[in-house]
């Protein structure tokens, strides 16, 4: 079974710092854009949750089909988003 994971670091000004995809799924241009869309859509949820909780790890903040998006929020409000 092919699987993939996507990892992205976002600055506190919503500027992407780093992005990587790892896994065994075949690379498709369409899939790469879909992964970016999923993570950017999750940013809206993160921005609301980050100010209402003191937790640094927000597990399963968003879901898309069989993909689950989670995020770490650092003390400096740097976001480390990933899904698998």
Protein backbone atom coordinates (compact mmCIF):
# COMPACT_ATOMS: atom_id res chain seq x y z
CA UNK A 1 0.00 0.00 0.00
CA UNK A 2 1.38 3.38 -0.99
CA UNK A 3 1.49 6.07 1.66
CA UNK A 4 2.84 9.56 1.91
CA UNK A 5 3.36 12.18 4.60
CA UNK A 6 3.74 15.91 4.22
CA UNK A 7 5.61 18.20 6.61
CA UNK A 8 5.60 22.00 6.62
CA UNK A 9 7.06 24.70 8.88
CA UNK A 10 5.23 28.04 8.86
CA UNK A 11 6.55 31.27 10.41
CA UNK A 12 4.44 33.40 12.71
CA UNK A 13 3.70 35.67 9.71
CA UNK A 14 2.22 32.72 7.75
CA UNK A 15 5.28 32.44 5.49
CA UNK A 16 6.30 28.87 4.60
CA UNK A 17 9.85 28.18 5.79
CA UNK A 18 10.20 24.51 4.88
CA UNK A 19 8.12 21.89 3.08
CA UNK A 20 8.79 18.21 2.44
CA UNK A 21 6.91 15.14 1.27
CA UNK A 22 8.12 11.68 2.21
CA UNK A 23 6.74 8.29 1.45
CA UNK A 24 6.26 5.65 -1.18
CA UNK A 25 3.31 7.09 -3.06
CA UNK A 26 3.98 7.94 -6.71
CA UNK A 27 4.71 11.63 -7.26
CA UNK A 28 2.03 13.49 -9.17
CA UNK A 29 1.84 17.21 -9.75
CA UNK A 30 -1.84 17.12 -8.79
CA UNK A 31 -1.11 15.38 -5.48
CA UNK A 32 1.54 17.94 -4.52
CA UNK A 33 -0.92 20.79 -4.93
CA UNK A 34 -3.59 18.87 -3.06
CA UNK A 35 -1.24 18.37 -0.10
CA UNK A 36 -0.45 22.09 -0.01
CA UNK A 37 -4.16 22.89 -0.12
CA UNK A 38 -4.89 20.51 2.79
CA UNK A 39 -2.19 22.06 4.98
CA UNK A 40 -3.15 25.65 4.13
CA UNK A 41 -6.81 24.90 4.87
CA UNK A 42 -5.76 23.55 8.27
CA UNK A 43 -4.02 26.86 9.06
CA UNK A 44 -7.39 28.51 9.65
CA UNK A 45 -8.25 25.93 12.30
CA UNK A 46 -4.79 26.24 13.89
CA UNK A 47 -5.00 30.02 14.16
CA UNK A 48 -8.25 29.71 16.10
CA UNK A 49 -7.06 26.90 18.37
CA UNK A 50 -3.59 28.29 19.09
CA UNK A 51 -5.02 31.21 21.07
CA UNK A 52 -7.64 29.22 22.99
CA UNK A 53 -5.47 26.42 24.37
CA UNK A 54 -2.15 26.17 26.17
CA UNK A 55 -1.30 22.84 24.53
CA UNK A 56 1.63 22.90 22.13
CA UNK A 57 0.64 19.72 20.27
CA UNK A 58 -2.75 19.89 18.59
CA UNK A 59 -3.60 16.36 17.48
CA UNK A 60 -5.99 15.70 14.61
CA UNK A 61 -7.05 19.30 13.98
CA UNK A 62 -8.30 18.55 10.47
CA UNK A 63 -9.11 15.53 8.32
CA UNK A 64 -9.27 15.00 4.60
CA UNK A 65 -10.29 11.55 3.37
CA UNK A 66 -7.86 9.23 5.17
CA UNK A 67 -5.32 11.98 5.97
CA UNK A 68 -5.11 13.48 9.46
CA UNK A 69 -3.45 16.88 10.01
CA UNK A 70 -1.64 17.55 13.30
CA UNK A 71 0.44 20.54 14.40
CA UNK A 72 3.01 21.63 16.95
CA UNK A 73 2.85 25.30 17.96
CA UNK A 74 6.11 26.63 19.39
CA UNK A 75 6.37 29.36 22.03
CA UNK A 76 7.32 31.79 19.24
CA UNK A 77 4.18 30.80 17.26
CA UNK A 78 6.09 28.87 14.62
CA UNK A 79 3.82 26.12 13.27
CA UNK A 80 5.03 22.64 12.42
CA UNK A 81 2.22 21.01 10.42
CA UNK A 82 2.20 17.44 9.19
CA UNK A 83 -0.20 14.86 7.93
CA UNK A 84 -0.06 11.19 7.21
